[in-house]
């Protein structure tokens, strides 16, 4: 089983600074062997720009077999 994860990234200053943070995180995830499901943008409760990144780890065949046995 490949567990899904959702990260929330916020920026109190501007959508532009948020975009930079999201781009940086996506580049990091690219090296972590994950499958990015979606990236969405919105606002938090205080109307600050926020982003949500949904992803899951890509398991090797060995990891997948071990996961299936559990």
C-alpha atoms as a PDB file:
ATOM      1  CA  UNK A   1       0.000   0.000   0.000  1.00  0.00           C
ATOM      2  CA  UNK A   2       1.297   3.461  -0.883  1.00  0.00           C
ATOM      3  CA  UNK A   3       0.214   5.901   1.814  1.00  0.00           C
ATOM      4  CA  UNK A   4      -0.893   9.301   0.611  1.00  0.00           C
ATOM      5  CA  UNK A   5       0.322  12.495   2.256  1.00  0.00           C
ATOM      6  CA  UNK A   6      -0.877  16.086   2.059  1.00  0.00           C
ATOM      7  CA  UNK A   7       1.379  19.017   2.894  1.00  0.00           C
ATOM      8  CA  UNK A   8       0.102  22.507   3.534  1.00  0.00           C
ATOM      9  CA  UNK A   9       2.380  25.426   2.765  1.00  0.00           C
ATOM     10  CA  UNK A  10       1.399  28.977   3.720  1.00  0.00           C
ATOM     11  CA  UNK A  11       2.825  32.403   3.168  1.00  0.00           C
ATOM     12  CA  UNK A  12       1.623  35.414   5.117  1.00  0.00           C
ATOM     13  CA  UNK A  13       3.081  37.811   2.555  1.00  0.00           C
ATOM     14  CA  UNK A  14       2.072  37.121  -1.020  1.00  0.00           C
ATOM     15  CA  UNK A  15       1.034  34.564  -3.597  1.00  0.00           C
ATOM     16  CA  UNK A  16       4.358  35.124  -5.352  1.00  0.00           C
ATOM     17  CA  UNK A  17       6.386  34.110  -2.299  1.00  0.00           C
ATOM     18  CA  UNK A  18       4.065  31.117  -1.835  1.00  0.00           C
ATOM     19  CA  UNK A  19       4.670  30.054  -5.430  1.00  0.00           C
ATOM     20  CA  UNK A  20       8.412  30.108  -4.772  1.00  0.00           C
ATOM     21  CA  UNK A  21       8.017  27.946  -1.657  1.00  0.00           C
ATOM     22  CA  UNK A  22       5.815  25.469  -3.534  1.00  0.00           C
ATOM     23  CA  UNK A  23       8.246  25.276  -6.439  1.00  0.00           C
ATOM     24  CA  UNK A  24      11.118  24.631  -4.016  1.00  0.00           C
ATOM     25  CA  UNK A  25       9.168  21.854  -2.248  1.00  0.00           C
ATOM     26  CA  UNK A  26       8.147  20.233  -5.541  1.00  0.00           C
ATOM     27  CA  UNK A  27      11.802  20.143  -6.604  1.00  0.00           C
ATOM     28  CA  UNK A  28      12.684  18.474  -3.285  1.00  0.00           C
ATOM     29  CA  UNK A  29       9.921  15.898  -3.722  1.00  0.00           C
ATOM     30  CA  UNK A  30      11.209  15.127  -7.204  1.00  0.00           C
ATOM     31  CA  UNK A  31      14.313  13.606  -5.576  1.00  0.00           C
ATOM     32  CA  UNK A  32      12.342  11.695  -2.922  1.00  0.00           C
ATOM     33  CA  UNK A  33      10.824   9.151  -5.331  1.00  0.00           C
ATOM     34  CA  UNK A  34       7.210  10.280  -4.924  1.00  0.00           C
ATOM     35  CA  UNK A  35       4.252  10.536  -7.262  1.00  0.00           C
ATOM     36  CA  UNK A  36       2.726  14.031  -7.028  1.00  0.00           C
ATOM     37  CA  UNK A  37      -1.062  13.725  -7.190  1.00  0.00           C
ATOM     38  CA  UNK A  38      -2.103  17.373  -7.095  1.00  0.00           C
ATOM     39  CA  UNK A  39      -1.142  20.901  -6.163  1.00  0.00           C
ATOM     40  CA  UNK A  40      -3.892  23.353  -5.304  1.00  0.00           C
ATOM     41  CA  UNK A  41      -3.958  26.921  -4.078  1.00  0.00           C
ATOM     42  CA  UNK A  42      -6.402  28.723  -1.809  1.00  0.00           C
ATOM     43  CA  UNK A  43      -6.493  30.858   1.319  1.00  0.00           C
ATOM     44  CA  UNK A  44      -6.319  29.947   4.980  1.00  0.00           C
ATOM     45  CA  UNK A  45      -8.622  31.167   7.762  1.00  0.00           C
ATOM     46  CA  UNK A  46      -6.813  34.494   7.970  1.00  0.00           C
ATOM     47  CA  UNK A  47      -7.084  34.932   4.178  1.00  0.00           C
ATOM     48  CA  UNK A  48      -3.366  34.278   3.641  1.00  0.00           C
ATOM     49  CA  UNK A  49      -2.354  32.360   0.519  1.00  0.00           C
ATOM     50  CA  UNK A  50      -1.931  28.612   1.052  1.00  0.00           C
ATOM     51  CA  UNK A  51      -1.064  25.610  -1.083  1.00  0.00           C
ATOM     52  CA  UNK A  52      -1.829  21.920  -0.689  1.00  0.00           C
ATOM     53  CA  UNK A  53       0.443  19.271  -2.195  1.00  0.00           C
ATOM     54  CA  UNK A  54      -0.893  15.707  -2.295  1.00  0.00           C
ATOM     55  CA  UNK A  55       1.565  12.914  -3.036  1.00  0.00           C
ATOM     56  CA  UNK A  56       2.478   9.321  -2.322  1.00  0.00           C
ATOM     57  CA  UNK A  57       5.746   7.447  -2.083  1.00  0.00           C
ATOM     58  CA  UNK A  58       6.522   5.210  -5.034  1.00  0.00           C
ATOM     59  CA  UNK A  59       7.400   1.810  -3.615  1.00  0.00           C
ATOM     60  CA  UNK A  60       9.886  -0.539  -5.206  1.00  0.00           C
ATOM     61  CA  UNK A  61       8.635  -4.030  -6.067  1.00  0.00           C
ATOM     62  CA  UNK A  62      10.334  -5.336  -2.919  1.00  0.00           C
ATOM     63  CA  UNK A  63       8.695  -2.709  -0.722  1.00  0.00           C
ATOM     64  CA  UNK A  64       5.338  -3.380  -2.361  1.00  0.00           C
ATOM     65  CA  UNK A  65       5.592  -7.119  -1.622  1.00  0.00           C
ATOM     66  CA  UNK A  66       6.542  -6.452   1.993  1.00  0.00           C
ATOM     67  CA  UNK A  67       3.638  -4.015   2.323  1.00  0.00           C
ATOM     68  CA  UNK A  68       1.197  -6.542   0.867  1.00  0.00           C
ATOM     69  CA  UNK A  69       2.287  -9.163   3.414  1.00  0.00           C
ATOM     70  CA  UNK A  70       1.452  -6.911   6.376  1.00  0.00           C
END
